[in-house]
N, C-alpha and C. Protein backbone atom coordinates (compact mmCIF):
# COMPACT_ATOMS: atom_id res chain seq x y z
N UNK A 1 22.14 -9.07 16.39
CA UNK A 1 21.46 -7.74 16.75
C UNK A 1 20.03 -8.32 16.15
N UNK A 2 18.55 -8.56 17.28
CA UNK A 2 17.61 -8.82 16.78
C UNK A 2 16.04 -8.20 16.88
N UNK A 3 15.60 -8.14 16.07
CA UNK A 3 14.46 -6.98 15.64
C UNK A 3 12.89 -7.81 16.67
N UNK A 4 12.09 -7.02 16.75
CA UNK A 4 10.69 -7.28 17.15
C UNK A 4 9.84 -6.93 16.46
N UNK A 5 9.30 -6.61 15.67
CA UNK A 5 7.89 -6.13 15.82
C UNK A 5 6.62 -6.36 16.33
N UNK A 6 5.75 -5.48 15.99
CA UNK A 6 4.13 -5.35 16.11
C UNK A 6 3.23 -4.38 16.00
N UNK A 7 2.27 -4.15 16.26
CA UNK A 7 1.28 -3.69 16.25
C UNK A 7 0.33 -4.23 15.09
N UNK A 8 0.30 -4.82 13.90
CA UNK A 8 -0.06 -4.42 12.77
C UNK A 8 -1.79 -4.80 13.02
N UNK A 9 -2.52 -4.66 12.90
CA UNK A 9 -4.41 -5.95 12.57
C UNK A 9 -4.73 -4.97 11.16
N UNK A 10 -5.90 -5.21 12.00
CA UNK A 10 -7.13 -4.80 10.56
C UNK A 10 -7.65 -3.68 11.13
N UNK A 11 -7.54 -2.90 9.39
CA UNK A 11 -7.97 -1.23 9.91
C UNK A 11 -9.38 -0.54 8.56
N UNK A 12 -9.55 -0.33 9.02
CA UNK A 12 -10.83 0.36 7.43
C UNK A 12 -9.74 1.09 6.94
N UNK A 13 -10.49 1.22 5.52
CA UNK A 13 -9.95 2.75 4.31
C UNK A 13 -10.08 3.99 5.46
N UNK A 14 -9.23 4.58 5.91
CA UNK A 14 -9.20 5.86 5.82
C UNK A 14 -8.90 6.41 7.82
N UNK A 15 -8.53 4.68 8.48
CA UNK A 15 -8.05 4.53 9.35
C UNK A 15 -6.39 4.88 9.63
N UNK A 16 -6.09 4.00 11.16
CA UNK A 16 -4.88 4.74 11.54
C UNK A 16 -4.33 3.49 12.26
N UNK A 17 -2.80 3.09 11.33
CA UNK A 17 -1.99 2.00 11.78
C UNK A 17 -0.48 2.59 13.49
N UNK A 18 -0.53 2.01 14.23
CA UNK A 18 1.18 2.09 15.17
C UNK A 18 1.86 1.03 14.84
N UNK A 19 2.72 0.86 13.98
CA UNK A 19 4.21 -0.30 14.08
C UNK A 19 4.77 0.21 15.37
N UNK A 20 5.73 -0.84 15.29
CA UNK A 20 6.74 -0.82 16.35
C UNK A 20 7.82 -1.91 16.43
N UNK A 21 9.11 -1.62 16.40
CA UNK A 21 9.48 -2.42 16.17
C UNK A 21 10.84 -2.26 18.02
N UNK A 22 11.20 -2.96 18.11
CA UNK A 22 12.42 -3.46 19.28
C UNK A 22 13.09 -4.08 19.37
N UNK A 23 14.39 -3.44 19.30
CA UNK A 23 15.64 -4.20 18.99
C UNK A 23 16.06 -4.65 20.19
N UNK A 24 16.72 -5.29 20.31
CA UNK A 24 17.91 -5.72 21.07
C UNK A 24 19.66 -5.71 21.01
N UNK A 25 20.05 -5.68 21.35
CA UNK A 25 22.10 -5.28 21.47
C UNK A 25 22.58 -4.45 21.61
N UNK A 26 23.30 -3.56 20.99
CA UNK A 26 24.14 -2.40 21.60
C UNK A 26 24.05 -1.52 20.15
N UNK A 27 23.94 -0.12 20.50
CA UNK A 27 24.67 0.74 19.86
C UNK A 27 23.92 0.38 18.18
N UNK A 28 22.56 0.58 19.33
CA UNK A 28 21.28 0.82 18.19
C UNK A 28 21.27 2.58 17.96
N UNK A 29 21.54 3.18 18.67
CA UNK A 29 20.71 4.91 17.94
C UNK A 29 22.57 4.62 16.80
N UNK A 30 23.33 4.07 16.49
CA UNK A 30 23.74 5.06 15.62
C UNK A 30 23.56 3.99 14.24
N UNK A 31 23.00 3.28 13.81
CA UNK A 31 22.28 3.23 12.85
C UNK A 31 20.65 3.42 12.75
N UNK A 32 20.92 3.25 10.97
CA UNK A 32 20.29 3.29 10.07
C UNK A 32 18.24 2.51 10.62
N UNK A 33 17.32 2.82 10.14
CA UNK A 33 16.60 1.76 10.43
C UNK A 33 15.27 1.89 9.50
N UNK A 34 14.66 1.40 8.76
CA UNK A 34 14.31 1.39 7.91
C UNK A 34 12.44 0.10 8.39
N UNK A 35 11.39 -0.17 8.01
CA UNK A 35 10.56 -0.38 7.63
C UNK A 35 10.48 -0.69 5.73
N UNK A 36 10.07 -1.67 6.02
CA UNK A 36 9.15 -2.39 4.06
C UNK A 36 8.38 -3.54 4.96
N UNK A 37 7.49 -3.32 3.29
CA UNK A 37 6.00 -3.78 3.66
C UNK A 37 6.06 -5.12 2.15
N UNK A 38 5.44 -5.78 1.72
CA UNK A 38 5.59 -6.93 1.00
C UNK A 38 4.07 -7.46 0.56
N UNK A 39 3.26 -6.93 -0.12
CA UNK A 39 1.41 -6.95 -0.80
C UNK A 39 2.13 -8.46 -1.16
N UNK A 40 0.77 -9.47 -0.32
CA UNK A 40 0.75 -10.67 -2.20
C UNK A 40 1.17 -10.40 -3.46
N UNK A 41 2.38 -11.49 -3.72
CA UNK A 41 2.64 -11.06 -4.71
C UNK A 41 3.69 -10.37 -5.39
N UNK A 42 3.89 -9.31 -4.44
CA UNK A 42 4.94 -8.02 -4.59
C UNK A 42 6.23 -8.38 -4.17
N UNK A 43 6.71 -7.42 -4.85
CA UNK A 43 8.88 -7.79 -4.56
C UNK A 43 8.29 -6.51 -3.15
N UNK A 44 9.75 -6.75 -2.13
CA UNK A 44 9.24 -6.17 -0.83
C UNK A 44 9.54 -5.46 -1.16
N UNK A 45 9.31 -3.66 -0.91
CA UNK A 45 9.61 -2.60 -1.14
C UNK A 45 10.10 -1.65 0.09
N UNK A 46 10.80 -0.60 0.20
CA UNK A 46 11.31 0.70 1.30
C UNK A 46 10.47 1.23 1.21
N UNK A 47 9.79 1.35 2.07
CA UNK A 47 8.83 2.07 2.78
C UNK A 47 9.07 4.01 3.37
N UNK A 48 9.63 3.51 4.61
CA UNK A 48 10.72 4.71 5.13
C UNK A 48 11.64 5.02 6.03
N UNK A 49 12.84 4.86 6.07
CA UNK A 49 13.71 5.00 6.30
C UNK A 49 14.03 6.56 6.87
N UNK A 50 14.64 6.42 8.36
CA UNK A 50 14.91 6.73 9.70
C UNK A 50 16.60 7.01 9.69
N UNK A 51 16.97 7.57 9.47
CA UNK A 51 18.86 7.92 9.66
C UNK A 51 19.61 8.01 11.45
N UNK A 52 20.29 7.40 11.48
CA UNK A 52 21.42 7.55 12.99
C UNK A 52 21.30 9.29 13.44
N UNK A 53 20.88 10.06 11.88
CA UNK A 53 20.64 11.71 13.23
C UNK A 53 19.47 12.07 13.31
N UNK A 54 18.81 11.28 12.23
CA UNK A 54 17.20 11.54 12.44
C UNK A 54 16.47 11.96 11.67
N UNK A 55 17.40 12.13 9.65
CA UNK A 55 16.65 12.04 8.22
C UNK A 55 16.05 11.19 8.20
N UNK A 56 14.77 11.87 8.22
CA UNK A 56 13.69 10.35 7.56
C UNK A 56 13.67 10.43 5.52
N UNK A 57 13.08 9.99 5.24
CA UNK A 57 12.43 9.74 4.05
C UNK A 57 11.54 8.57 4.38
N UNK A 58 10.42 9.14 2.66
CA UNK A 58 9.20 8.22 2.48
C UNK A 58 8.77 7.61 1.18
N UNK A 59 8.70 6.60 0.82
CA UNK A 59 7.95 6.01 -0.40
C UNK A 59 7.26 7.17 -1.08
N UNK A 60 6.76 7.84 -2.13
CA UNK A 60 5.47 8.49 -2.90
C UNK A 60 4.03 8.44 -2.16
N UNK A 61 4.38 7.63 -2.09
CA UNK A 61 2.89 6.68 -1.54
C UNK A 61 1.90 7.15 -0.65
N UNK A 62 3.59 7.10 0.34
CA UNK A 62 3.06 7.19 1.73
C UNK A 62 3.30 8.39 2.50
N UNK A 63 3.35 9.01 1.73
CA UNK A 63 4.11 10.65 2.47
C UNK A 63 3.28 11.63 2.82
N UNK A 64 3.29 12.54 3.72
CA UNK A 64 2.21 13.03 4.00
C UNK A 64 0.88 11.90 4.73
N UNK A 65 1.22 11.11 4.08
CA UNK A 65 0.17 9.50 5.63
C UNK A 65 1.96 8.85 6.97
N UNK A 66 2.44 8.88 6.36
CA UNK A 66 3.34 7.66 7.83
C UNK A 66 4.27 8.69 8.09
N UNK A 67 4.42 7.82 9.53
CA UNK A 67 5.79 9.19 9.83
C UNK A 67 5.80 8.07 10.56
N UNK A 68 7.20 7.74 10.61
CA UNK A 68 8.58 6.98 10.84
C UNK A 68 9.64 8.30 12.38
N UNK A 69 9.40 6.77 13.32
CA UNK A 69 10.17 7.56 13.82
C UNK A 69 11.06 7.50 15.47
N UNK A 70 12.40 6.88 15.83
CA UNK A 70 12.90 6.67 17.04
C UNK A 70 13.16 6.54 17.78
N UNK A 71 13.03 5.64 19.11
CA UNK A 71 13.34 6.17 20.34
C UNK A 71 14.68 5.42 20.99
N UNK A 72 16.10 6.58 20.88
CA UNK A 72 16.82 5.56 20.89
C UNK A 72 17.11 4.46 22.55
N UNK A 73 16.82 5.85 23.21
CA UNK A 73 16.94 5.30 24.68
C UNK A 73 15.98 4.33 24.90
N UNK A 74 15.60 3.97 24.39
CA UNK A 74 15.07 2.46 24.14
C UNK A 74 14.22 1.64 23.00
N UNK A 75 15.44 2.13 22.56
CA UNK A 75 15.66 1.60 20.96
C UNK A 75 14.91 0.33 20.52
N UNK A 76 14.13 1.80 20.26
CA UNK A 76 12.55 1.41 19.90
C UNK A 76 12.09 1.79 18.10
N UNK A 77 11.36 1.73 16.89
CA UNK A 77 11.52 2.79 15.60
C UNK A 77 10.30 1.96 15.31
N UNK A 78 9.89 3.71 15.20
CA UNK A 78 8.15 3.35 15.11
C UNK A 78 7.48 4.02 13.88
N UNK A 79 6.72 3.59 13.39
CA UNK A 79 5.63 3.98 11.92
C UNK A 79 4.21 4.14 12.62
N UNK A 80 3.68 5.33 12.64
CA UNK A 80 2.16 5.86 12.25
C UNK A 80 2.20 5.65 11.23
N UNK A 81 0.94 5.25 10.60
CA UNK A 81 0.38 5.12 9.34
C UNK A 81 -1.13 5.98 9.39
N UNK A 82 -0.96 6.99 8.95
CA UNK A 82 -2.81 7.56 9.14
C UNK A 82 -3.11 7.47 7.69
N UNK A 83 -4.37 7.95 7.96
CA UNK A 83 -5.29 7.41 5.83
C UNK A 83 -4.73 6.42 5.40
N UNK A 84 -5.22 5.08 5.29
CA UNK A 84 -4.76 4.22 5.63
C UNK A 84 -5.51 4.06 4.04
N UNK A 85 -5.07 3.38 3.38
CA UNK A 85 -5.77 2.78 2.02
C UNK A 85 -5.47 1.76 1.83
N UNK A 86 -6.70 1.18 0.75
CA UNK A 86 -6.02 -0.69 0.79
C UNK A 86 -4.68 -1.43 0.19
N UNK A 87 -4.80 -0.68 -1.06
CA UNK A 87 -3.07 -0.40 -1.31
C UNK A 87 -2.30 -0.90 -0.34
N UNK A 88 -2.20 -0.36 1.09
CA UNK A 88 -1.06 -0.61 2.09
C UNK A 88 -1.13 -2.18 2.18
N UNK A 89 -2.47 -2.10 2.33
CA UNK A 89 -2.59 -3.47 2.72
C UNK A 89 -1.32 -5.23 2.44
N UNK A 90 -0.56 -5.03 3.77
CA UNK A 90 1.44 -5.82 2.76
C UNK A 90 1.00 -6.41 4.10
N UNK A 91 2.74 -7.25 4.68
CA UNK A 91 3.18 -7.67 5.85
C UNK A 91 4.29 -6.52 5.83
N UNK A 92 4.81 -6.24 7.21
CA UNK A 92 5.36 -5.01 7.12
C UNK A 92 6.85 -4.92 8.17
N UNK A 93 7.46 -5.38 7.48
CA UNK A 93 8.88 -5.33 8.73
C UNK A 93 9.69 -4.49 8.53
N UNK A 94 11.03 -4.57 9.28
CA UNK A 94 11.79 -3.43 10.12
C UNK A 94 13.16 -4.58 10.06
N UNK A 95 13.59 -3.28 9.37
CA UNK A 95 15.30 -3.41 9.19
C UNK A 95 16.28 -2.90 9.25
N UNK A 96 17.10 -3.28 9.35
CA UNK A 96 18.50 -2.72 10.16
C UNK A 96 19.76 -3.21 9.30
N UNK A 97 20.90 -2.58 9.21
CA UNK A 97 21.86 -2.85 7.89
C UNK A 97 23.14 -2.83 9.56
N UNK A 98 23.21 -4.56 9.29
CA UNK A 98 25.24 -3.50 10.25
C UNK A 98 26.15 -4.77 9.75
N UNK A 99 26.88 -4.49 9.00
CA UNK A 99 28.87 -4.98 8.69
C UNK A 99 27.79 -4.84 7.21
N UNK A 100 26.96 -4.57 6.72
CA UNK A 100 27.06 -5.32 5.20
C UNK A 100 25.85 -6.20 5.29
N UNK A 101 25.30 -6.66 6.28
CA UNK A 101 24.42 -7.60 6.58
C UNK A 101 22.67 -7.58 7.00
N UNK A 102 21.29 -7.32 5.79
CA UNK A 102 20.45 -7.33 6.26
C UNK A 102 20.32 -8.29 8.11
N UNK A 103 18.69 -7.19 8.56
CA UNK A 103 18.79 -8.07 9.29
C UNK A 103 16.84 -7.58 9.83
N UNK A 104 17.20 -8.51 9.26
CA UNK A 104 14.89 -8.25 9.55
C UNK A 104 14.44 -8.43 11.10
N UNK A 105 13.85 -8.33 10.67
CA UNK A 105 12.25 -8.97 11.53
C UNK A 105 11.02 -9.43 11.16
N UNK A 106 10.50 -10.01 12.46
CA UNK A 106 9.52 -11.99 11.75
C UNK A 106 8.34 -10.23 11.27
N UNK A 107 8.08 -9.27 10.33
CA UNK A 107 7.00 -8.77 10.06
C UNK A 107 5.70 -8.80 10.97
N UNK A 108 4.47 -7.99 10.24
CA UNK A 108 3.85 -8.39 11.62
C UNK A 108 2.31 -7.54 9.97
N UNK A 109 1.88 -8.24 10.05
CA UNK A 109 0.75 -8.33 8.99
C UNK A 109 -0.80 -7.06 9.10
N UNK A 110 -0.48 -6.14 8.25
CA UNK A 110 -1.28 -4.44 7.59
C UNK A 110 -2.00 -4.94 6.91
N UNK A 111 -3.85 -4.93 7.64
CA UNK A 111 -4.23 -5.62 6.60
C UNK A 111 -6.24 -3.61 6.13
N UNK A 112 -5.62 -3.75 5.29
CA UNK A 112 -6.61 -2.61 5.02
C UNK A 112 -7.99 -2.36 4.26
N UNK A 113 -9.14 -2.78 4.95
CA UNK A 113 -10.33 -3.39 4.30
C UNK A 113 -11.28 -1.65 3.45
N UNK A 114 -11.81 -1.41 2.84
CA UNK A 114 -12.45 -1.03 1.54
C UNK A 114 -13.90 -1.07 2.42
């Protein structure tokens, strides 16, 4: 499985961005998908997850602002980010786990200016 993230960029505070992650390989629909982020000087943190059945969960600071979704037919997972804040600035990574092993996309940079 390979993951390819896209959609990052520079946006003003209060703006929106949509991140996408395309997966290769088979059985995409059977696995949970996650979005992580890593801000400068900080540890990577889980931002949002979506289970194989579509159940979602979010880190507290993004609840009500970010929405994770998946398209199993297209083997895509997306993260809609609204009401962005400067503290959302980070490299965002899509992630899944197969056979106990983490698989990471290459990361896409989101910069939110104040």
